[in-house]
Protein backbone atom coordinates (compact mmCIF):
# COMPACT_ATOMS: atom_id res chain seq x y z
CA MET A 1 -32.98 161.28 282.25
CA ALA A 2 -36.44 161.94 283.63
CA ALA A 3 -38.01 160.24 280.65
CA THR A 4 -35.77 157.23 281.14
CA SER A 5 -36.75 156.97 284.79
CA THR A 6 -40.41 157.18 283.88
CA ASN A 7 -40.04 154.39 281.33
CA ALA A 8 -38.34 152.19 283.90
CA GLU A 9 -41.09 152.81 286.43
CA VAL A 10 -43.83 152.06 283.90
CA SER A 11 -42.15 148.77 282.97
CA GLY A 12 -42.18 147.75 286.64
CA LEU A 13 -38.38 147.65 286.97
CA LYS A 14 -36.66 149.19 289.97
CA ARG A 15 -33.45 151.15 289.57
CA SER A 16 -31.46 149.43 292.31
CA LEU A 17 -28.26 148.20 290.64
CA ARG A 18 -25.17 150.23 291.50
CA PHE A 19 -21.95 150.38 289.51
CA TRP A 20 -20.23 147.51 291.32
CA ASP A 21 -23.40 145.41 291.11
CA LEU A 22 -23.19 145.70 287.33
CA VAL A 23 -19.49 144.78 287.31
CA LEU A 24 -20.13 141.72 289.52
CA TYR A 25 -22.99 140.65 287.26
CA GLY A 26 -20.71 140.92 284.22
CA ILE A 27 -17.95 138.86 285.84
CA ILE A 28 -20.45 136.16 286.87
CA LEU A 29 -21.89 136.16 283.34
CA ILE A 30 -18.46 135.67 281.75
CA GLN A 31 -17.33 133.22 284.50
CA PRO A 32 -14.02 133.83 286.32
CA THR A 33 -12.54 130.58 284.97
CA ALA A 34 -13.35 131.50 281.33
CA PRO A 35 -9.82 130.93 279.90
CA MET A 36 -9.31 127.51 281.49
CA PRO A 37 -11.37 125.31 279.10
CA SER A 38 -9.84 126.92 275.97
CA PHE A 39 -6.28 127.10 277.37
CA GLY A 40 -5.04 124.07 275.43
CA VAL A 41 -6.27 125.10 271.99
CA ILE A 42 -4.96 128.65 272.43
CA TYR A 43 -1.61 127.20 273.58
CA LYS A 44 -1.41 125.05 270.46
CA GLU A 45 -2.30 127.78 267.96
CA ALA A 46 -0.30 130.59 269.61
CA HIS A 47 2.73 128.31 270.08
CA GLY A 48 2.69 128.77 273.83
CA HIS A 49 1.91 132.52 273.91
CA VAL A 50 -1.42 132.21 275.71
CA VAL A 51 -0.90 135.25 277.96
CA THR A 52 -0.09 137.47 274.99
CA ALA A 53 -3.14 136.17 273.10
CA ILE A 54 -5.42 136.87 276.09
CA LEU A 55 -4.05 140.42 276.43
CA LEU A 56 -4.35 141.16 272.70
CA ALA A 57 -7.94 139.90 272.73
CA MET A 58 -8.55 142.20 275.72
CA VAL A 59 -7.44 145.22 273.65
CA ALA A 60 -9.97 144.38 270.93
CA MET A 61 -12.70 143.79 273.51
CA LEU A 62 -11.93 147.05 275.36
CA PHE A 63 -12.40 149.03 272.13
CA THR A 64 -15.64 147.16 271.48
CA SER A 65 -16.85 147.53 275.07
CA ILE A 66 -16.56 151.31 274.70
CA SER A 67 -18.79 151.12 271.62
CA TYR A 68 -21.28 148.95 273.52
CA GLY A 69 -21.32 151.49 276.33
CA ARG A 70 -22.02 154.35 273.92
CA MET A 71 -24.83 152.42 272.24
CA ALA A 72 -26.32 151.34 275.59
CA ARG A 73 -26.52 155.02 276.51
CA ALA A 74 -28.28 155.80 273.23
CA TYR A 75 -30.69 152.84 273.41
CA PRO A 76 -31.29 152.12 277.09
CA HIS A 77 -34.04 149.53 276.56
CA GLY A 78 -33.33 145.96 275.48
CA GLY A 79 -29.70 146.56 274.55
CA SER A 80 -28.30 144.08 272.03
CA ALA A 81 -26.07 144.01 268.97
CA PHE A 82 -28.88 143.37 266.51
CA LEU A 83 -30.86 146.33 267.93
CA TYR A 84 -27.89 148.70 267.64
CA VAL A 85 -27.03 147.56 264.11
CA GLY A 86 -30.65 147.60 263.00
CA LYS A 87 -31.27 151.11 264.32
CA GLU A 88 -28.04 152.79 263.20
CA ILE A 89 -27.15 150.92 259.98
CA HIS A 90 -30.12 149.02 258.49
CA PRO A 91 -32.84 146.67 259.82
CA SER A 92 -31.76 143.93 257.41
CA LEU A 93 -28.20 144.01 258.75
CA GLY A 94 -29.61 143.99 262.27
CA TYR A 95 -31.51 140.82 261.37
CA ILE A 96 -28.36 139.14 260.00
CA THR A 97 -26.47 140.17 263.15
CA GLY A 98 -29.18 138.55 265.26
CA TRP A 99 -29.06 135.45 263.06
CA CYS A 100 -25.31 135.08 263.68
CA LEU A 101 -25.94 135.44 267.40
CA VAL A 102 -28.46 132.59 267.16
CA MET A 103 -25.55 130.42 266.02
CA ASP A 104 -23.62 131.47 269.13
CA TYR A 105 -26.52 130.51 271.39
CA ILE A 106 -26.71 127.07 269.78
CA LEU A 107 -22.96 126.48 269.78
CA ASN A 108 -22.44 127.25 273.44
CA PRO A 109 -24.23 124.10 274.71
CA LEU A 110 -22.45 122.15 271.96
CA ILE A 111 -18.95 123.06 273.14
CA CYS A 112 -20.04 122.48 276.76
CA THR A 113 -21.14 118.97 275.74
CA ILE A 114 -17.73 118.34 274.18
CA TRP A 115 -15.77 119.71 277.14
CA CYS A 116 -17.84 117.87 279.77
CA SER A 117 -17.28 114.61 277.90
CA ARG A 118 -13.52 115.20 277.84
CA ALA A 119 -13.48 116.13 281.52
CA VAL A 120 -15.28 112.92 282.56
CA MET A 121 -12.75 110.92 280.50
CA ASN A 122 -10.08 112.22 282.93
CA PHE A 123 -11.98 110.33 285.67
CA LEU A 124 -13.15 107.39 283.56
CA PRO A 125 -10.55 106.91 280.80
CA GLY A 126 -12.04 103.56 279.80
CA VAL A 127 -15.37 105.07 278.74
CA PRO A 128 -15.43 106.03 275.02
CA TYR A 129 -15.90 109.70 274.17
CA VAL A 130 -18.91 108.87 271.97
CA VAL A 131 -20.79 107.36 274.93
CA LEU A 132 -20.13 110.41 277.11
CA ALA A 133 -21.08 112.88 274.34
CA ILE A 134 -24.40 111.08 273.87
CA PHE A 135 -24.93 111.05 277.64
CA PHE A 136 -24.40 114.79 278.14
CA ALA A 137 -26.44 115.81 275.09
CA ILE A 138 -29.35 113.72 276.39
CA PHE A 139 -28.74 114.82 280.00
CA PHE A 140 -28.96 118.56 279.17
CA THR A 141 -32.01 117.98 276.99
CA LEU A 142 -33.94 115.91 279.52
CA LEU A 143 -33.34 118.39 282.33
CA ASN A 144 -34.43 121.32 280.18
CA CYS A 145 -37.48 119.41 278.87
CA ASN A 146 -38.54 118.93 282.50
CA GLY A 147 -38.16 122.60 283.31
CA VAL A 148 -35.11 122.28 285.55
CA GLU A 149 -33.37 125.68 285.74
CA THR A 150 -30.43 126.97 287.75
CA SER A 151 -31.38 129.92 289.94
CA ALA A 152 -29.49 133.18 290.17
CA ARG A 153 -28.45 132.22 293.71
CA ILE A 154 -26.93 128.95 292.50
CA ASN A 155 -25.11 130.75 289.69
CA ALA A 156 -23.69 133.30 292.12
CA GLY A 157 -22.63 130.49 294.45
CA MET A 158 -20.94 128.68 291.58
CA ALA A 159 -19.08 131.87 290.61
CA ALA A 160 -17.86 132.24 294.21
CA ALA A 161 -16.73 128.60 294.26
CA LEU A 162 -14.86 129.07 290.99
CA GLY A 163 -13.23 132.16 292.47
CA LEU A 164 -11.94 130.04 295.36
CA VAL A 165 -10.60 127.49 292.87
CA ILE A 166 -8.70 130.26 291.08
CA VAL A 167 -7.18 131.43 294.38
CA LEU A 168 -6.17 127.86 295.20
CA VAL A 169 -4.56 127.42 291.77
CA LEU A 170 -2.59 130.66 292.09
CA ILE A 171 -1.40 129.76 295.60
CA GLN A 172 -0.22 126.34 294.42
CA ALA A 173 1.51 127.94 291.42
CA VAL A 174 3.44 130.31 293.71
CA ARG A 175 4.45 127.39 295.96
CA TRP A 176 5.63 125.44 292.92
CA LEU A 177 7.66 128.39 291.64
CA LEU A 178 9.25 129.04 295.03
CA ALA A 179 10.56 125.47 294.98
CA LEU A 180 12.47 126.11 291.73
CA LYS A 181 16.21 126.68 291.93
CA HIS A 182 17.33 130.00 290.46
CA PRO A 183 14.95 130.44 287.50
CA GLY A 184 16.25 133.11 285.13
CA VAL A 185 14.43 136.21 283.88
CA ALA A 186 13.83 134.52 280.52
CA PHE A 187 11.81 131.82 282.28
CA PHE A 188 9.30 134.37 283.60
CA LEU A 189 9.11 136.30 280.30
CA ALA A 190 8.64 133.24 278.04
CA PRO A 191 4.80 133.16 278.41
CA PHE A 192 4.73 136.67 276.92
CA TYR A 193 7.41 136.20 274.27
CA ASP A 194 9.49 133.17 273.42
CA ARG A 195 11.81 133.94 270.53
CA ALA A 196 12.20 130.27 269.63
CA THR A 197 8.48 129.67 269.06
CA PHE A 198 7.01 133.09 268.32
CA ASP A 199 4.97 133.33 265.12
CA THR A 200 2.76 136.30 264.25
CA SER A 201 0.14 134.36 262.31
CA GLY A 202 -0.05 131.73 265.04
CA LEU A 203 -0.44 134.42 267.69
CA LEU A 204 -3.29 136.06 265.77
CA ARG A 205 -4.97 132.69 265.32
CA GLY A 206 -4.67 132.03 269.05
CA THR A 207 -5.98 135.51 269.82
CA SER A 208 -9.05 134.89 267.64
CA ILE A 209 -9.82 131.88 269.87
CA ALA A 210 -9.00 133.79 273.07
CA VAL A 211 -11.96 136.09 272.34
CA LEU A 212 -14.11 133.34 273.91
CA THR A 213 -12.70 134.42 277.28
CA TYR A 214 -14.65 137.69 277.08
CA ILE A 215 -17.93 136.52 275.53
CA GLY A 216 -20.83 137.74 277.67
CA PHE A 217 -19.62 141.22 278.71
CA ASP A 218 -22.31 142.79 276.50
CA GLY A 219 -24.99 141.26 278.73
CA ILE A 220 -24.52 144.20 281.12
CA SER A 221 -26.24 146.44 278.56
CA THR A 222 -29.51 144.54 279.12
CA LEU A 223 -29.66 145.85 282.73
CA THR A 224 -29.90 149.52 281.76
CA ASP A 225 -33.48 149.85 283.04
CA GLU A 226 -32.46 148.53 286.47
CA ALA A 227 -29.24 150.53 286.91
CA LYS A 228 -28.77 153.72 288.89
CA ASP A 229 -27.46 156.53 286.68
CA PRO A 230 -27.26 154.18 283.66
CA ALA A 231 -25.75 156.81 281.35
CA ARG A 232 -22.57 156.68 283.45
CA SER A 233 -22.62 153.35 285.27
CA VAL A 234 -23.44 150.96 282.39
CA PRO A 235 -20.68 152.07 279.94
CA ARG A 236 -18.08 152.16 282.73
CA ALA A 237 -19.17 148.76 284.06
CA ILE A 238 -18.89 147.17 280.59
CA VAL A 239 -15.35 148.49 280.10
CA LEU A 240 -14.18 147.62 283.63
CA THR A 241 -15.64 144.10 283.38
CA CYS A 242 -13.58 143.48 280.23
CA PHE A 243 -10.45 144.84 281.89
CA ILE A 244 -10.86 142.80 285.10
CA THR A 245 -11.60 139.67 283.06
CA GLY A 246 -8.47 140.21 280.97
CA ILE A 247 -6.18 140.72 283.96
CA LEU A 248 -7.62 137.77 285.90
CA ALA A 249 -7.48 135.51 282.83
CA SER A 250 -3.88 136.52 282.18
CA MET A 251 -2.89 135.58 285.73
CA GLU A 252 -4.58 132.17 285.40
CA VAL A 253 -2.92 131.21 282.12
CA TYR A 254 0.43 132.76 283.14
CA ALA A 255 0.60 130.44 286.14
CA ALA A 256 -0.24 127.41 283.98
CA GLN A 257 2.35 128.31 281.34
CA LEU A 258 5.13 128.72 283.90
CA VAL A 259 4.35 125.36 285.46
CA TRP A 260 3.99 123.32 282.27
CA PRO A 261 7.35 122.59 280.58
CA ARG A 262 7.71 124.12 277.11
CA GLY A 263 7.69 121.50 274.40
CA LEU A 264 5.90 118.88 276.52
CA ALA A 265 2.61 117.74 274.94
CA PHE A 266 -0.58 117.73 277.00
CA PRO A 267 -2.22 114.32 277.55
CA ASP A 268 -5.48 115.92 276.39
CA LEU A 269 -5.56 119.31 274.65
CA ASP A 270 -9.17 120.16 275.55
CA THR A 271 -8.54 119.75 279.29
CA ALA A 272 -4.94 120.97 279.23
CA TYR A 273 -5.46 123.39 282.12
CA VAL A 274 -6.53 120.54 284.38
CA TYR A 275 -3.23 118.76 283.70
CA ALA A 276 -1.25 121.96 284.36
CA SER A 277 -3.10 122.27 287.69
CA GLY A 278 -2.23 118.69 288.53
CA ARG A 279 1.44 119.43 287.90
CA MET A 280 1.46 122.34 290.33
CA GLY A 281 -0.77 120.84 293.03
CA GLY A 282 -0.78 117.09 292.53
CA PRO A 283 -3.75 114.71 292.20
CA ILE A 284 -5.90 116.63 294.68
CA LEU A 285 -5.76 119.89 292.73
CA PHE A 286 -6.24 117.92 289.51
CA LEU A 287 -9.46 116.51 290.98
CA ILE A 288 -10.65 119.90 292.30
CA VAL A 289 -10.07 121.82 289.05
CA ASN A 290 -11.46 119.08 286.83
CA SER A 291 -14.59 118.77 289.00
CA ALA A 292 -15.13 122.53 289.30
CA LEU A 293 -14.82 123.13 285.56
CA LEU A 294 -17.05 120.13 284.86
CA LEU A 295 -19.81 121.51 287.09
CA ALA A 296 -19.38 125.00 285.60
CA ASN A 297 -19.74 123.65 282.07
CA ILE A 298 -22.77 121.55 283.04
CA GLY A 299 -24.46 124.68 284.39
CA SER A 300 -23.45 126.73 281.36
CA GLY A 301 -24.54 124.01 278.94
CA MET A 302 -27.99 123.68 280.50
CA ALA A 303 -28.57 127.43 280.72
CA SER A 304 -27.35 128.16 277.21
CA GLN A 305 -29.45 125.37 275.68
CA LEU A 306 -32.60 126.75 277.29
CA GLY A 307 -31.58 130.30 276.34
CA ALA A 308 -31.15 129.24 272.71
CA ALA A 309 -34.54 127.49 272.79
CA ARG A 310 -36.20 130.65 274.06
CA LEU A 311 -34.51 132.75 271.39
CA LEU A 312 -35.82 130.42 268.67
CA TYR A 313 -39.24 130.64 270.35
CA ALA A 314 -39.13 134.44 270.10
CA MET A 315 -38.19 134.20 266.43
CA GLY A 316 -41.07 131.78 265.89
CA GLN A 317 -43.51 134.18 267.52
CA ASP A 318 -42.14 136.99 265.36
CA GLY A 319 -42.70 134.94 262.20
CA ALA A 320 -39.00 134.78 261.32
CA LEU A 321 -39.21 130.98 261.76
CA PRO A 322 -42.20 128.65 261.22
CA ARG A 323 -44.57 129.41 264.09
CA ARG A 324 -46.16 125.97 264.36
CA PHE A 325 -42.87 124.32 265.36
CA PHE A 326 -40.74 127.05 266.96
CA ALA A 327 -43.47 128.94 268.87
CA ALA A 328 -45.01 125.81 270.38
CA VAL A 329 -44.95 125.65 274.20
CA ASP A 330 -45.27 122.52 276.32
CA ARG A 331 -48.44 122.88 278.41
CA ARG A 332 -47.09 121.04 281.45
CA ASN A 333 -43.66 122.64 281.88
CA HIS A 334 -44.28 125.86 279.93
CA ILE A 335 -41.09 125.60 277.88
CA PRO A 336 -40.47 125.56 274.09
CA ARG A 337 -40.05 121.79 274.08
CA ASN A 338 -39.59 121.44 270.31
CA ASN A 339 -36.70 123.90 270.37
CA VAL A 340 -35.03 122.18 273.33
CA LEU A 341 -35.20 118.84 271.49
CA LEU A 342 -33.90 120.38 268.26
CA ILE A 343 -30.91 121.98 269.98
CA GLY A 344 -30.27 118.75 271.87
CA ALA A 345 -30.12 116.90 268.54
CA ILE A 346 -27.76 119.54 267.13
CA CYS A 347 -25.52 119.23 270.21
CA LEU A 348 -25.49 115.47 269.89
CA GLY A 349 -24.61 115.50 266.19
CA GLY A 350 -22.14 118.37 266.58
CA ALA A 351 -20.33 116.78 269.53
CA LEU A 352 -19.74 113.67 267.43
CA VAL A 353 -18.43 115.64 264.43
CA PHE A 354 -16.95 118.90 265.76
CA SER A 355 -13.80 119.37 267.78
CA TYR A 356 -13.86 121.72 270.76
CA GLN A 357 -11.64 124.11 268.82
CA LEU A 358 -13.92 124.22 265.77
CA GLY A 359 -16.96 124.84 267.96
CA THR A 360 -15.12 127.66 269.73
CA GLU A 361 -14.01 129.30 266.49
CA LEU A 362 -17.51 129.08 265.04
CA LEU A 363 -18.92 130.72 268.16
CA ASN A 364 -16.33 133.49 267.88
CA TYR A 365 -17.21 133.90 264.18
CA GLY A 366 -20.70 135.08 265.10
CA ALA A 367 -19.55 137.11 268.09
CA LEU A 368 -16.84 138.98 266.17
CA LEU A 369 -19.28 139.81 263.35
CA ALA A 370 -21.70 141.22 265.93
CA PHE A 371 -18.89 143.20 267.58
CA MET A 372 -17.87 144.67 264.22
CA GLY A 373 -21.47 145.69 263.63
CA VAL A 374 -21.71 147.44 267.01
CA ASN A 375 -18.46 149.33 266.34
CA VAL A 376 -19.74 150.53 262.94
CA ALA A 377 -23.06 151.52 264.52
CA SER A 378 -21.19 153.56 267.12
CA ILE A 379 -19.16 155.30 264.40
CA LEU A 380 -22.28 156.19 262.39
CA ARG A 381 -24.10 157.48 265.44
CA GLY A 382 -21.13 159.66 266.37
CA TRP A 383 -20.99 161.05 262.82
CA ARG A 384 -24.72 161.79 262.68
CA HIS A 385 -24.90 163.51 266.07
CA GLY A 386 -21.54 165.15 266.47
CA ARG A 387 -19.56 165.04 263.24
CA TRP A 388 -15.92 165.93 263.93
CA ALA A 389 -16.71 166.85 267.53
CA GLN A 390 -17.05 163.10 268.13
CA TRP A 391 -13.72 162.26 266.49
CA PHE A 392 -12.17 160.55 269.54
CA PRO A 393 -15.06 158.16 270.36
CA MET A 394 -15.37 157.38 266.64
CA LEU A 395 -11.63 156.66 266.51
CA LEU A 396 -11.98 154.21 269.42
CA SER A 397 -14.87 152.48 267.66
CA LEU A 398 -12.79 152.31 264.48
CA GLY A 399 -10.06 150.63 266.51
CA GLY A 400 -12.63 148.13 267.74
CA PHE A 401 -13.80 147.38 264.20
CA VAL A 402 -10.26 146.95 262.82
CA THR A 403 -9.08 144.68 265.65
CA CYS A 404 -12.24 142.54 265.54
CA PHE A 405 -11.98 142.23 261.75
CA LEU A 406 -8.33 141.22 262.05
CA LEU A 407 -9.22 138.50 264.55
CA TRP A 408 -12.22 137.36 262.50
CA ALA A 409 -10.00 137.03 259.41
CA ASN A 410 -7.59 134.83 261.40
CA LEU A 411 -10.19 132.27 262.43
CA GLY A 412 -9.70 128.82 260.92
CA LEU A 413 -10.74 128.34 257.30
CA LEU A 414 -13.29 125.65 258.16
CA ALA A 415 -14.89 127.86 260.79
CA ARG A 416 -15.12 130.77 258.33
CA ILE A 417 -16.69 128.54 255.68
CA ALA A 418 -19.24 127.05 258.07
CA GLY A 419 -20.00 130.44 259.61
CA THR A 420 -20.48 132.03 256.19
CA CYS A 421 -22.84 129.21 255.18
CA TRP A 422 -24.89 129.92 258.31
CA ALA A 423 -24.95 133.66 257.53
CA CYS A 424 -26.02 132.95 253.93
CA ALA A 425 -28.82 130.73 255.21
CA GLY A 426 -29.97 133.67 257.34
CA ILE A 427 -29.87 136.00 254.33
CA LEU A 428 -31.92 133.50 252.30
CA LEU A 429 -34.43 133.22 255.13
CA TRP A 430 -34.68 137.02 255.31
CA LEU A 431 -35.28 137.27 251.55
CA LEU A 432 -37.99 134.62 251.70
CA ARG A 433 -39.57 136.39 254.63
CA ARG A 434 -39.67 139.66 252.67
CA GLN A 435 -41.08 137.97 249.60
CA TYR A 436 -43.94 136.38 251.53
CA ALA A 437 -44.39 139.21 254.03
CA GLY A 438 -47.84 139.91 252.64
CA HIS A 439 -48.98 136.34 253.16
CA PRO A 440 -50.38 135.05 256.45
CA ALA A 441 -47.74 133.70 258.80
CA GLU A 442 -47.34 129.94 258.77
CA GLU A 443 -49.49 128.15 261.25
């Protein structure tokens, strides 16, 4: 512990974050309204069992969060899936894990572009989707090219505002339910299990999409150097963040499922939660929820596009990608301008070709592969340092691997094909990099 403290002091970081600070950071990172944008596609695939899908995804993420906590304790500096996999399994597998996470970084602004376009169509139904998709792809790119960033204070304020929106939605849902005349027990249990529509394969498919609700919890592991008593606080904060997210998400989708009549199609699947909110609270709540989620996705889209650009910049500096293009920095705004433009072009093309569901499943493809890698790394570390004395933590990590693999296998076929093609491209790049490792890096 003394060595860890010394390292933190040398790096200039102050250990000031307490346990609840870490939990709050994790919740802000995930966003309290995380299940709302994907509510419609989960509803469709799980045949109405959104609550059950969210809870099943929480089980898989809780297992995995325990593995992340164990690995964060072992590697307190720069915690990430590719580091854990590279250190405990093999550097080449760590590289492939990082490559799959690159896909996630790129896909996040893409699905935000799609969702924002759909949300604006609720206000301006006469404007074609293509026009709005082009607008948001260019909008995100221009702002990032000019160095416009959202501050931590703005992000925290947005999270607080979204929290108020959730409270308002739940209050309106209770008022709507109180106005019902003698609803039976079956009515309240249907979101968990409806015998008429239940299908195991559909539920697993919906659960594989519901994983998106929890994406971001692993970001807590990057704050190890700034946390007080990180060996205890970081693992516990990661697990509790997943649990709180799961319970809060379940409440949000449970309210929407009770309000929306079973068998009634949504006017727009991508913004289905907005329509459920309008049913419980009328046009005003429709406007509030649609606007709040639109602003949240604009902020997320901008931040994730710049984050992806910086990741590609780091890979360019490292020589994993051509340095001349990917490591170039704009002299005026000090940003990797080439990367921002490239990701903007990908978002534009993807938004015109991909559906929101396909983008979500592709993002989960990379995330679930990374989660499986972290679980295996945790198992191997337990075996090397404790053998059978570590049987219980290794069993939990095995549970994380099995559940993540099951969800990964239930992603859509097209998403698995596209994701595998991306992974193969990363393997090819790694092989070429090894072959020419002795040659000077590209200028």
